[in-house]
Amino acid sequence: MLVVNRFRVQEDDSAFRGDLEAAHEVMSRQRGYVSGDLGRNVDDPTLWTMVTRWRDVGSYRRALSTYDVKVGAVPLLSRAVDEPSAYEQLDGELNEWRPRDLG
């Protein structure tokens, strides 16, 4: 599973890179984490990204609920551009979209 978090920051936000690296470090210590990359857009220096790979969606969701992530990464993740961020990889059959049965 692939998670793409994008961030729009002010050009003078000199602390953002350190905050991003610290949040990634916390995420990388979670069970089910596979790999990750941090980046900044080459044309727009106010657009940054954190891309992480996880064993499965459950691993990612459990990681988000850990104390360390809530304290060390969620404050930064809450600054992400408000858009869907979880993607399935195209290495097999894709999930079918269907409404969940809540009953």
N, C-alpha and C. Protein backbone atom coordinates (compact mmCIF):
# COMPACT_ATOMS: atom_id res chain seq x y z
N MET A 1 0.84 -1.17 0.00
CA MET A 1 0.00 0.00 0.00
C MET A 1 0.88 1.23 0.00
N LEU A 2 0.45 2.25 -0.68
CA LEU A 2 1.21 3.48 -0.87
C LEU A 2 0.42 4.65 -0.27
N VAL A 3 1.10 5.50 0.51
CA VAL A 3 0.46 6.68 1.08
C VAL A 3 1.21 7.91 0.60
N VAL A 4 0.48 8.84 -0.01
CA VAL A 4 1.06 10.08 -0.53
C VAL A 4 0.46 11.25 0.24
N ASN A 5 1.28 11.90 1.05
CA ASN A 5 0.85 13.09 1.78
C ASN A 5 1.54 14.29 1.15
N ARG A 6 0.75 15.29 0.71
CA ARG A 6 1.33 16.50 0.14
C ARG A 6 1.09 17.66 1.09
N PHE A 7 2.04 18.56 1.13
CA PHE A 7 1.98 19.70 2.04
C PHE A 7 2.26 20.98 1.28
N ARG A 8 1.47 22.00 1.54
CA ARG A 8 1.71 23.34 0.98
C ARG A 8 2.17 24.21 2.15
N VAL A 9 3.38 24.73 2.05
CA VAL A 9 3.95 25.52 3.16
C VAL A 9 4.44 26.87 2.66
N GLN A 10 4.58 27.80 3.57
CA GLN A 10 5.13 29.12 3.23
C GLN A 10 6.61 28.97 2.90
N GLU A 11 7.10 29.76 1.97
CA GLU A 11 8.51 29.67 1.59
C GLU A 11 9.44 29.95 2.75
N ASP A 12 9.00 30.75 3.70
CA ASP A 12 9.86 31.11 4.83
C ASP A 12 9.70 30.16 6.03
N ASP A 13 9.02 29.03 5.84
CA ASP A 13 8.83 28.06 6.93
C ASP A 13 10.09 27.18 7.03
N SER A 14 11.10 27.72 7.67
CA SER A 14 12.40 27.02 7.74
C SER A 14 12.36 25.78 8.62
N ALA A 15 11.36 25.65 9.48
CA ALA A 15 11.27 24.50 10.38
C ALA A 15 10.58 23.31 9.72
N PHE A 16 9.91 23.52 8.58
CA PHE A 16 9.10 22.44 8.01
C PHE A 16 9.91 21.21 7.67
N ARG A 17 11.06 21.38 7.05
CA ARG A 17 11.85 20.20 6.65
C ARG A 17 12.18 19.34 7.87
N GLY A 18 12.61 19.95 8.95
CA GLY A 18 12.91 19.19 10.16
C GLY A 18 11.69 18.49 10.72
N ASP A 19 10.54 19.18 10.69
CA ASP A 19 9.29 18.58 11.16
C ASP A 19 8.91 17.39 10.29
N LEU A 20 9.08 17.53 8.99
CA LEU A 20 8.76 16.45 8.05
C LEU A 20 9.67 15.25 8.28
N GLU A 21 10.95 15.50 8.44
CA GLU A 21 11.90 14.41 8.69
C GLU A 21 11.61 13.71 10.01
N ALA A 22 11.26 14.48 11.04
CA ALA A 22 10.94 13.88 12.34
C ALA A 22 9.68 13.03 12.27
N ALA A 23 8.65 13.51 11.56
CA ALA A 23 7.41 12.74 11.41
C ALA A 23 7.68 11.45 10.64
N HIS A 24 8.48 11.54 9.59
CA HIS A 24 8.82 10.34 8.82
C HIS A 24 9.58 9.33 9.69
N GLU A 25 10.48 9.81 10.50
CA GLU A 25 11.25 8.93 11.39
C GLU A 25 10.31 8.16 12.32
N VAL A 26 9.33 8.84 12.88
CA VAL A 26 8.35 8.18 13.76
C VAL A 26 7.56 7.14 12.98
N MET A 27 7.11 7.50 11.78
CA MET A 27 6.34 6.56 10.97
C MET A 27 7.19 5.34 10.61
N SER A 28 8.47 5.55 10.32
CA SER A 28 9.32 4.45 9.86
C SER A 28 9.57 3.40 10.94
N ARG A 29 9.32 3.73 12.18
CA ARG A 29 9.53 2.77 13.27
C ARG A 29 8.30 1.91 13.55
N GLN A 30 7.24 2.09 12.80
CA GLN A 30 6.00 1.38 13.05
C GLN A 30 5.97 0.03 12.34
N ARG A 31 5.31 -0.91 12.96
CA ARG A 31 5.16 -2.25 12.38
C ARG A 31 4.40 -2.15 11.05
N GLY A 32 4.91 -2.80 10.04
CA GLY A 32 4.28 -2.81 8.73
C GLY A 32 4.82 -1.76 7.77
N TYR A 33 5.66 -0.85 8.27
CA TYR A 33 6.28 0.16 7.41
C TYR A 33 7.30 -0.55 6.51
N VAL A 34 7.29 -0.22 5.22
CA VAL A 34 8.21 -0.84 4.27
C VAL A 34 9.30 0.14 3.84
N SER A 35 8.91 1.33 3.39
CA SER A 35 9.89 2.32 2.96
C SER A 35 9.20 3.67 2.83
N GLY A 36 10.01 4.70 2.60
CA GLY A 36 9.43 6.02 2.43
C GLY A 36 10.42 7.00 1.82
N ASP A 37 9.88 8.06 1.26
CA ASP A 37 10.68 9.11 0.65
C ASP A 37 10.06 10.46 0.96
N LEU A 38 10.92 11.46 1.09
CA LEU A 38 10.50 12.83 1.29
C LEU A 38 10.95 13.63 0.07
N GLY A 39 10.17 14.62 -0.32
CA GLY A 39 10.56 15.40 -1.47
C GLY A 39 9.95 16.78 -1.49
N ARG A 40 10.51 17.62 -2.35
CA ARG A 40 9.98 18.95 -2.57
C ARG A 40 9.84 19.14 -4.08
N ASN A 41 8.77 19.77 -4.50
CA ASN A 41 8.48 19.97 -5.91
C ASN A 41 9.56 20.83 -6.57
N VAL A 42 10.01 20.43 -7.75
CA VAL A 42 11.09 21.14 -8.42
C VAL A 42 10.64 22.47 -9.02
N ASP A 43 9.35 22.63 -9.29
CA ASP A 43 8.84 23.87 -9.88
C ASP A 43 8.20 24.80 -8.85
N ASP A 44 7.74 24.24 -7.76
CA ASP A 44 7.06 25.03 -6.72
C ASP A 44 7.64 24.65 -5.36
N PRO A 45 8.57 25.43 -4.84
CA PRO A 45 9.25 25.07 -3.59
C PRO A 45 8.36 25.11 -2.35
N THR A 46 7.10 25.50 -2.50
CA THR A 46 6.19 25.48 -1.34
C THR A 46 5.42 24.16 -1.24
N LEU A 47 5.62 23.26 -2.21
CA LEU A 47 4.91 21.98 -2.24
C LEU A 47 5.87 20.85 -1.90
N TRP A 48 5.59 20.16 -0.81
CA TRP A 48 6.43 19.07 -0.30
C TRP A 48 5.60 17.78 -0.27
N THR A 49 6.29 16.64 -0.16
CA THR A 49 5.58 15.37 -0.09
C THR A 49 6.30 14.38 0.83
N MET A 50 5.51 13.52 1.43
CA MET A 50 6.02 12.34 2.14
C MET A 50 5.27 11.15 1.55
N VAL A 51 6.03 10.25 0.94
CA VAL A 51 5.46 9.04 0.34
C VAL A 51 5.95 7.85 1.15
N THR A 52 5.03 7.08 1.69
CA THR A 52 5.41 5.90 2.47
C THR A 52 4.75 4.66 1.89
N ARG A 53 5.41 3.53 2.08
CA ARG A 53 4.88 2.25 1.64
C ARG A 53 4.68 1.37 2.87
N TRP A 54 3.57 0.65 2.87
CA TRP A 54 3.18 -0.18 4.01
C TRP A 54 2.84 -1.57 3.53
N ARG A 55 2.98 -2.54 4.42
CA ARG A 55 2.68 -3.93 4.09
C ARG A 55 1.23 -4.07 3.63
N ASP A 56 0.33 -3.38 4.31
CA ASP A 56 -1.09 -3.42 3.96
C ASP A 56 -1.80 -2.24 4.63
N VAL A 57 -3.05 -2.03 4.26
CA VAL A 57 -3.79 -0.89 4.79
C VAL A 57 -3.97 -0.99 6.30
N GLY A 58 -4.13 -2.19 6.82
CA GLY A 58 -4.27 -2.37 8.27
C GLY A 58 -3.04 -1.91 9.02
N SER A 59 -1.86 -2.21 8.49
CA SER A 59 -0.62 -1.77 9.13
C SER A 59 -0.57 -0.25 9.21
N TYR A 60 -0.95 0.41 8.12
CA TYR A 60 -0.94 1.88 8.10
C TYR A 60 -1.94 2.44 9.12
N ARG A 61 -3.13 1.92 9.12
CA ARG A 61 -4.15 2.44 10.04
C ARG A 61 -3.79 2.17 11.50
N ARG A 62 -3.22 1.02 11.78
CA ARG A 62 -2.77 0.74 13.15
C ARG A 62 -1.63 1.68 13.54
N ALA A 63 -0.73 1.96 12.61
CA ALA A 63 0.37 2.88 12.89
C ALA A 63 -0.17 4.25 13.29
N LEU A 64 -1.20 4.72 12.60
CA LEU A 64 -1.76 6.03 12.91
C LEU A 64 -2.36 6.10 14.30
N SER A 65 -2.73 4.96 14.85
CA SER A 65 -3.37 4.97 16.17
C SER A 65 -2.38 4.78 17.31
N THR A 66 -1.09 4.59 17.02
CA THR A 66 -0.12 4.43 18.10
C THR A 66 0.18 5.77 18.76
N TYR A 67 0.56 5.70 20.01
CA TYR A 67 0.87 6.91 20.78
C TYR A 67 1.99 7.71 20.12
N ASP A 68 3.07 7.03 19.72
CA ASP A 68 4.21 7.73 19.13
C ASP A 68 3.82 8.51 17.88
N VAL A 69 3.00 7.92 17.03
CA VAL A 69 2.58 8.59 15.81
C VAL A 69 1.62 9.74 16.14
N LYS A 70 0.71 9.52 17.08
CA LYS A 70 -0.21 10.60 17.45
C LYS A 70 0.55 11.82 17.96
N VAL A 71 1.62 11.59 18.69
CA VAL A 71 2.40 12.70 19.24
C VAL A 71 3.43 13.23 18.23
N GLY A 72 4.11 12.33 17.52
CA GLY A 72 5.24 12.73 16.70
C GLY A 72 4.98 12.94 15.23
N ALA A 73 3.82 12.52 14.71
CA ALA A 73 3.58 12.66 13.27
C ALA A 73 2.22 13.27 12.94
N VAL A 74 1.20 12.98 13.72
CA VAL A 74 -0.14 13.47 13.39
C VAL A 74 -0.21 15.00 13.34
N PRO A 75 0.49 15.73 14.23
CA PRO A 75 0.44 17.19 14.08
C PRO A 75 0.92 17.65 12.70
N LEU A 76 1.94 17.03 12.16
CA LEU A 76 2.39 17.39 10.82
C LEU A 76 1.41 16.87 9.78
N LEU A 77 0.95 15.63 9.92
CA LEU A 77 0.02 15.06 8.94
C LEU A 77 -1.26 15.88 8.84
N SER A 78 -1.65 16.53 9.93
CA SER A 78 -2.86 17.36 9.91
C SER A 78 -2.68 18.59 9.03
N ARG A 79 -1.45 18.91 8.66
CA ARG A 79 -1.17 20.05 7.78
C ARG A 79 -1.19 19.64 6.30
N ALA A 80 -1.39 18.37 6.01
CA ALA A 80 -1.37 17.88 4.63
C ALA A 80 -2.54 18.46 3.84
N VAL A 81 -2.34 18.56 2.53
CA VAL A 81 -3.41 18.96 1.62
C VAL A 81 -4.56 17.98 1.82
N ASP A 82 -5.78 18.50 1.93
CA ASP A 82 -6.95 17.67 2.21
C ASP A 82 -7.38 16.95 0.92
N GLU A 83 -6.87 15.75 0.75
CA GLU A 83 -7.18 14.93 -0.41
C GLU A 83 -6.92 13.47 -0.04
N PRO A 84 -7.52 12.53 -0.77
CA PRO A 84 -7.24 11.12 -0.48
C PRO A 84 -5.74 10.85 -0.58
N SER A 85 -5.23 10.03 0.34
CA SER A 85 -3.78 9.81 0.37
C SER A 85 -3.37 8.34 0.28
N ALA A 86 -4.29 7.41 0.45
CA ALA A 86 -3.96 5.98 0.45
C ALA A 86 -4.26 5.38 -0.93
N TYR A 87 -3.27 4.67 -1.47
CA TYR A 87 -3.38 4.08 -2.80
C TYR A 87 -2.97 2.61 -2.74
N GLU A 88 -3.63 1.80 -3.56
CA GLU A 88 -3.19 0.43 -3.69
C GLU A 88 -2.21 0.34 -4.85
N GLN A 89 -1.25 -0.55 -4.74
CA GLN A 89 -0.26 -0.71 -5.80
C GLN A 89 -0.84 -1.55 -6.93
N LEU A 90 -0.35 -1.31 -8.13
CA LEU A 90 -0.88 -1.99 -9.31
C LEU A 90 -0.09 -3.26 -9.60
N ASP A 91 0.05 -4.10 -8.59
CA ASP A 91 0.80 -5.33 -8.78
C ASP A 91 -0.08 -6.57 -8.66
N GLY A 92 -1.36 -6.39 -8.75
CA GLY A 92 -2.29 -7.51 -8.66
C GLY A 92 -3.68 -7.01 -9.00
N GLU A 93 -4.69 -7.76 -8.56
CA GLU A 93 -6.06 -7.33 -8.80
C GLU A 93 -6.38 -6.14 -7.92
N LEU A 94 -7.13 -5.22 -8.47
CA LEU A 94 -7.52 -4.03 -7.72
C LEU A 94 -8.76 -4.31 -6.88
N ASN A 95 -8.87 -3.61 -5.77
CA ASN A 95 -10.09 -3.69 -4.97
C ASN A 95 -11.25 -3.16 -5.80
N GLU A 96 -12.42 -3.72 -5.59
CA GLU A 96 -13.62 -3.22 -6.25
C GLU A 96 -14.28 -2.23 -5.32
N TRP A 97 -14.70 -1.09 -5.88
CA TRP A 97 -15.41 -0.13 -5.06
C TRP A 97 -16.84 -0.58 -4.88
N ARG A 98 -17.28 -0.60 -3.65
CA ARG A 98 -18.69 -0.87 -3.35
C ARG A 98 -18.97 -0.29 -1.97
N PRO A 99 -20.20 0.16 -1.77
CA PRO A 99 -20.54 0.73 -0.47
C PRO A 99 -20.37 -0.31 0.63
N ARG A 100 -19.93 0.13 1.78
CA ARG A 100 -19.79 -0.78 2.91
C ARG A 100 -21.14 -1.06 3.54
N ASP A 101 -21.33 -2.27 3.97
CA ASP A 101 -22.56 -2.66 4.65
C ASP A 101 -22.38 -2.39 6.13
N LEU A 102 -23.07 -1.43 6.67
CA LEU A 102 -22.94 -1.08 8.07
C LEU A 102 -23.95 -1.79 8.94
N GLY A 103 -24.77 -2.64 8.35
CA GLY A 103 -25.83 -3.29 9.10
C GLY A 103 -25.47 -4.64 9.45
